Amino acid sequence: GYQEVALRLMTAIATDSKERMILNVANAADGARTVAELPDDLMLEVGCIVDGKGVHPQPVAPPTLGQLGRMARLRDSERCILKAAVDRDKGAAWEGFSSHPLVDSPKLGQQLLDGYIEHQPMVAALFA
C-alpha cells in the first residue's frame, strides 16, 4: 500500500540511496516541465528517481494530441471539483463532473452530482 511507498521514499532520501518510484509530482517539480504543454503546478504521476537530494521526475515521451487533450480535460475537471469544494460552488461541481473525460454528457454529470449530494452527507452539507 501507500505506506510502503512512503517508507521507500523516506528511506531513499534519508540514506541517499537511488530508488526508482512512480510518484505524483508537480509538472515542473525539478525546475523544468515534464510535459511542456501543461501548467507547472499540474500534478502528474510519473517515474522518478529519489535520492538524498529529493525527487527527480524522469523525462517522458511527448504526448500525442489526443493524449494531451484527455490529460487537459481530466485536470480541468479536477480543478473544477476543487474549486467547488473550496468555494462551495455547486455550478463548479457540475462543470467538473460534466467535463470529466469518462462522462459523456452534461446530463450524466448532473446525475452524478445529484447522486453524491443524495448519498454523501458531507457533499450535501457543502452545498446546503
Protein backbone atom coordinates (compact mmCIF):
# COMPACT_ATOMS: atom_id res chain seq x y z
CA GLY A 1 0.00 0.00 0.00
CA TYR A 2 0.85 3.64 0.19
CA GLN A 3 2.66 3.22 3.50
CA GLU A 4 5.32 1.12 1.71
CA VAL A 5 5.71 3.81 -0.94
CA ALA A 6 6.12 6.46 1.76
CA LEU A 7 8.68 4.33 3.60
CA ARG A 8 10.70 3.71 0.41
CA LEU A 9 10.61 7.45 -0.36
CA MET A 10 11.78 8.47 3.13
CA THR A 11 14.48 5.78 3.18
CA ALA A 12 15.89 6.83 -0.20
CA ILE A 13 16.05 10.48 0.89
CA ALA A 14 17.45 9.74 4.36
CA THR A 15 20.12 7.29 3.15
CA ASP A 16 20.87 8.99 -0.19
CA SER A 17 20.23 5.72 -1.99
CA LYS A 18 18.81 5.89 -5.50
CA GLU A 19 15.32 4.49 -5.77
CA ARG A 20 13.11 4.35 -8.87
CA MET A 21 9.50 5.11 -7.98
CA ILE A 22 6.25 6.20 -9.61
CA LEU A 23 5.12 9.33 -7.77
CA ASN A 24 2.73 12.25 -8.07
CA VAL A 25 4.76 15.41 -8.67
CA ALA A 26 4.15 18.91 -9.96
CA ASN A 27 4.75 19.19 -13.71
CA ALA A 28 7.76 21.46 -13.04
CA ALA A 29 8.88 19.78 -9.79
CA ASP A 30 12.55 19.68 -10.78
CA GLY A 31 12.61 23.10 -12.45
CA ALA A 32 11.72 22.01 -15.99
CA ARG A 33 8.32 20.88 -17.18
CA THR A 34 7.84 17.14 -17.53
CA VAL A 35 5.07 17.76 -20.10
CA ALA A 36 5.86 21.07 -21.80
CA GLU A 37 2.27 21.78 -22.86
CA LEU A 38 0.78 21.55 -19.35
CA PRO A 39 0.92 24.10 -16.48
CA ASP A 40 3.82 23.98 -14.00
CA ASP A 41 1.62 23.29 -10.96
CA LEU A 42 -0.39 20.49 -12.54
CA MET A 43 0.17 17.16 -10.79
CA LEU A 44 1.42 14.21 -12.84
CA GLU A 45 2.06 10.58 -11.93
CA VAL A 46 5.43 9.75 -13.48
CA GLY A 47 8.54 7.70 -12.98
CA CYS A 48 11.04 9.41 -10.67
CA ILE A 49 14.48 8.87 -9.21
CA VAL A 50 14.58 9.57 -5.47
CA ASP A 51 17.85 10.21 -3.64
CA GLY A 52 19.27 12.32 -0.84
CA LYS A 53 18.66 15.48 -2.87
CA GLY A 54 14.96 14.75 -3.35
CA VAL A 55 12.57 13.60 -6.04
CA HIS A 56 13.63 13.90 -9.68
CA PRO A 57 10.90 13.27 -12.28
CA GLN A 58 12.21 11.42 -15.32
CA PRO A 59 11.56 12.58 -18.88
CA VAL A 60 8.50 11.21 -20.62
CA ALA A 61 7.74 10.94 -24.31
CA PRO A 62 5.73 13.90 -25.60
CA PRO A 63 2.03 13.04 -25.51
CA THR A 64 0.06 12.79 -28.73
CA LEU A 65 -2.52 15.48 -29.36
CA GLY A 66 -5.30 13.11 -28.26
CA GLN A 67 -3.45 12.15 -25.07
CA LEU A 68 -2.75 15.80 -24.31
CA GLY A 69 -6.43 16.63 -24.79
CA ARG A 70 -7.53 13.88 -22.40
CA MET A 71 -4.93 14.93 -19.83
CA ALA A 72 -6.02 18.55 -20.04
CA ARG A 73 -9.73 17.64 -19.75
CA LEU A 74 -9.10 15.41 -16.74
CA ARG A 75 -7.02 18.01 -14.91
CA ASP A 76 -9.52 20.77 -15.72
CA SER A 77 -12.30 18.57 -14.34
CA GLU A 78 -10.31 18.02 -11.14
CA ARG A 79 -9.64 21.74 -10.76
CA CYS A 80 -13.36 22.48 -11.13
CA ILE A 81 -14.15 19.95 -8.39
CA LEU A 82 -11.51 21.52 -6.12
CA LYS A 83 -12.96 24.98 -6.79
CA ALA A 84 -16.41 23.62 -5.96
CA ALA A 85 -15.18 22.31 -2.61
CA VAL A 86 -13.24 25.45 -1.66
CA ASP A 87 -15.86 27.95 -2.83
CA ARG A 88 -18.92 25.79 -2.04
CA ASP A 89 -19.84 26.32 -5.69
CA LYS A 90 -22.37 23.76 -6.95
CA GLY A 91 -22.02 25.09 -10.50
CA ALA A 92 -18.29 24.35 -10.46
CA ALA A 93 -19.05 20.85 -9.17
CA TRP A 94 -21.45 20.27 -12.06
CA GLU A 95 -18.86 21.60 -14.51
CA GLY A 96 -16.23 19.29 -13.02
CA PHE A 97 -18.42 16.21 -13.25
CA SER A 98 -19.72 17.12 -16.71
CA SER A 99 -16.29 17.82 -18.21
CA HIS A 100 -14.63 14.62 -16.95
CA PRO A 101 -13.39 12.55 -19.93
CA LEU A 102 -15.31 9.47 -18.75
CA VAL A 103 -18.61 11.37 -18.52
CA ASP A 104 -20.29 11.62 -21.91
CA SER A 105 -22.89 14.32 -21.29
CA PRO A 106 -23.83 17.26 -19.07
CA LYS A 107 -26.96 15.32 -18.10
CA LEU A 108 -24.87 12.45 -16.73
CA GLY A 109 -22.66 14.99 -14.94
CA GLN A 110 -25.76 16.36 -13.21
CA GLN A 111 -26.92 12.85 -12.29
CA LEU A 112 -23.53 12.09 -10.76
CA LEU A 113 -23.54 15.33 -8.77
CA ASP A 114 -27.11 14.71 -7.60
CA GLY A 115 -26.13 11.18 -6.53
CA TYR A 116 -23.20 12.44 -4.47
CA ILE A 117 -25.41 15.08 -2.83
CA GLU A 118 -28.08 12.48 -2.06
CA HIS A 119 -25.77 9.76 -0.72
CA GLN A 120 -22.84 11.67 0.78
CA PRO A 121 -23.86 13.89 3.72
CA MET A 122 -20.59 15.83 3.62
CA VAL A 123 -21.16 16.73 -0.03
CA ALA A 124 -24.76 17.70 0.70
CA ALA A 125 -23.61 19.93 3.57
CA LEU A 126 -21.07 21.60 1.31
CA PHE A 127 -23.79 22.91 -0.99
CA ALA A 128 -26.54 23.48 1.61
